[in-house]
Amino acid sequence: MIALTSAHKQALKWMSERGGDAAVARVKGGGRIYLAQGEHAPFMPSTARALIDAGLAEYIDVNGKKAVRFRLTDAGRKAA
């Protein structure tokens, strides 16, 4: 596993405090934002990607729509 930076730890904490699950919204220009319990996530998609690469989070495809949910894995919940 990668060494967690402050940004990674803050993202894990934010996600954990909001149930560990967020919606992924695509914005103009091809970017993404994460929404959980009515709030924008205070982290960038690159932080989300790092958490996925570390096995702490995952994207979920729903009904053939790519990456519409972002959630913590069991390892991510423990790390939070």
C-alpha atoms as a PDB file:
ATOM      1  CA  MET A   1       0.000   0.000   0.000  1.00  0.00           C
ATOM      2  CA  ILE A   2       1.144   3.546  -0.666  1.00  0.00           C
ATOM      3  CA  ALA A   3       2.058   5.926   2.118  1.00  0.00           C
ATOM      4  CA  LEU A   4      -1.022   8.039   2.784  1.00  0.00           C
ATOM      5  CA  THR A   5      -0.592  11.776   2.446  1.00  0.00           C
ATOM      6  CA  SER A   6      -2.520  14.336   4.457  1.00  0.00           C
ATOM      7  CA  ALA A   7      -4.885  14.791   1.482  1.00  0.00           C
ATOM      8  CA  HIS A   8      -5.570  11.048   1.338  1.00  0.00           C
ATOM      9  CA  LYS A   9      -6.287  10.884   5.072  1.00  0.00           C
ATOM     10  CA  GLN A  10      -8.604  13.903   4.893  1.00  0.00           C
ATOM     11  CA  ALA A  11     -10.501  12.374   1.941  1.00  0.00           C
ATOM     12  CA  LEU A  12     -10.915   9.083   3.812  1.00  0.00           C
ATOM     13  CA  LYS A  13     -12.176  10.937   6.881  1.00  0.00           C
ATOM     14  CA  TRP A  14     -14.601  13.054   4.834  1.00  0.00           C
ATOM     15  CA  MET A  15     -15.980   9.999   3.044  1.00  0.00           C
ATOM     16  CA  SER A  16     -16.270   7.996   6.262  1.00  0.00           C
ATOM     17  CA  GLU A  17     -18.183  10.794   7.997  1.00  0.00           C
ATOM     18  CA  ARG A  18     -20.700  10.745   5.127  1.00  0.00           C
ATOM     19  CA  GLY A  19     -21.365   7.033   5.026  1.00  0.00           C
ATOM     20  CA  GLY A  20     -18.451   6.030   2.804  1.00  0.00           C
ATOM     21  CA  ASP A  21     -20.394   6.467  -0.440  1.00  0.00           C
ATOM     22  CA  ALA A  22     -20.658   9.363  -2.903  1.00  0.00           C
ATOM     23  CA  ALA A  23     -22.179  10.139  -6.268  1.00  0.00           C
ATOM     24  CA  VAL A  24     -19.824  11.026  -9.107  1.00  0.00           C
ATOM     25  CA  ALA A  25     -20.990  13.967 -11.194  1.00  0.00           C
ATOM     26  CA  ARG A  26     -19.329  14.836 -14.476  1.00  0.00           C
ATOM     27  CA  VAL A  27     -18.898  18.524 -15.180  1.00  0.00           C
ATOM     28  CA  LYS A  28     -18.185  20.557 -18.301  1.00  0.00           C
ATOM     29  CA  GLY A  29     -14.668  20.072 -19.529  1.00  0.00           C
ATOM     30  CA  GLY A  30     -14.621  16.410 -18.532  1.00  0.00           C
ATOM     31  CA  GLY A  31     -13.929  16.847 -14.826  1.00  0.00           C
ATOM     32  CA  ARG A  32     -15.592  15.074 -11.943  1.00  0.00           C
ATOM     33  CA  ILE A  33     -16.921  16.126  -8.578  1.00  0.00           C
ATOM     34  CA  TYR A  34     -18.022  13.915  -5.732  1.00  0.00           C
ATOM     35  CA  LEU A  35     -21.245  14.544  -3.821  1.00  0.00           C
ATOM     36  CA  ALA A  36     -22.187  12.937  -0.516  1.00  0.00           C
ATOM     37  CA  GLN A  37     -25.090  13.907   1.711  1.00  0.00           C
ATOM     38  CA  GLY A  38     -25.581  17.133  -0.244  1.00  0.00           C
ATOM     39  CA  GLU A  39     -21.975  18.312   0.015  1.00  0.00           C
ATOM     40  CA  HIS A  40     -19.163  18.621  -2.525  1.00  0.00           C
ATOM     41  CA  ALA A  41     -16.137  16.572  -1.600  1.00  0.00           C
ATOM     42  CA  PRO A  42     -13.136  18.722  -0.685  1.00  0.00           C
ATOM     43  CA  PHE A  43     -10.725  16.565  -2.702  1.00  0.00           C
ATOM     44  CA  MET A  44      -9.658  16.292  -6.311  1.00  0.00           C
ATOM     45  CA  PRO A  45     -10.201  13.365  -8.692  1.00  0.00           C
ATOM     46  CA  SER A  46      -6.465  12.640  -8.475  1.00  0.00           C
ATOM     47  CA  THR A  47      -6.880  11.988  -4.744  1.00  0.00           C
ATOM     48  CA  ALA A  48      -9.784   9.652  -5.470  1.00  0.00           C
ATOM     49  CA  ARG A  49      -7.635   7.827  -8.053  1.00  0.00           C
ATOM     50  CA  ALA A  50      -4.816   7.428  -5.512  1.00  0.00           C
ATOM     51  CA  LEU A  51      -7.257   5.911  -3.003  1.00  0.00           C
ATOM     52  CA  ILE A  52      -8.492   3.493  -5.674  1.00  0.00           C
ATOM     53  CA  ASP A  53      -4.936   2.542  -6.629  1.00  0.00           C
ATOM     54  CA  ALA A  54      -4.210   1.881  -2.940  1.00  0.00           C
ATOM     55  CA  GLY A  55      -7.272  -0.391  -2.662  1.00  0.00           C
ATOM     56  CA  LEU A  56      -9.015   1.960  -0.228  1.00  0.00           C
ATOM     57  CA  ALA A  57     -11.867   3.007  -2.530  1.00  0.00           C
ATOM     58  CA  GLU A  58     -13.568   1.956  -5.745  1.00  0.00           C
ATOM     59  CA  TYR A  59     -15.763   3.260  -8.516  1.00  0.00           C
ATOM     60  CA  ILE A  60     -19.078   1.487  -9.026  1.00  0.00           C
ATOM     61  CA  ASP A  61     -20.746   1.167 -12.428  1.00  0.00           C
ATOM     62  CA  VAL A  62     -24.565   1.226 -12.301  1.00  0.00           C
ATOM     63  CA  ASN A  63     -26.779   0.089 -15.164  1.00  0.00           C
ATOM     64  CA  GLY A  64     -23.953   0.342 -17.671  1.00  0.00           C
ATOM     65  CA  LYS A  65     -23.130   3.947 -16.747  1.00  0.00           C
ATOM     66  CA  LYS A  66     -19.449   4.158 -15.985  1.00  0.00           C
ATOM     67  CA  ALA A  67     -18.271   5.317 -12.565  1.00  0.00           C
ATOM     68  CA  VAL A  68     -21.428   6.839 -11.155  1.00  0.00           C
ATOM     69  CA  ARG A  69     -20.673   5.958  -7.515  1.00  0.00           C
ATOM     70  CA  PHE A  70     -17.487   6.190  -5.474  1.00  0.00           C
ATOM     71  CA  ARG A  71     -17.209   4.294  -2.214  1.00  0.00           C
ATOM     72  CA  LEU A  72     -14.729   3.208   0.388  1.00  0.00           C
ATOM     73  CA  THR A  73     -13.708  -0.433   0.485  1.00  0.00           C
ATOM     74  CA  ASP A  74     -13.470  -2.312   3.788  1.00  0.00           C
ATOM     75  CA  ALA A  75      -9.772  -1.429   3.871  1.00  0.00           C
ATOM     76  CA  GLY A  76     -10.661   2.230   3.312  1.00  0.00           C
ATOM     77  CA  ARG A  77     -13.160   2.204   6.160  1.00  0.00           C
ATOM     78  CA  LYS A  78     -10.519   0.727   8.469  1.00  0.00           C
ATOM     79  CA  ALA A  79      -7.906   3.278   7.357  1.00  0.00           C
ATOM     80  CA  ALA A  80     -10.311   6.171   8.002  1.00  0.00           C
END
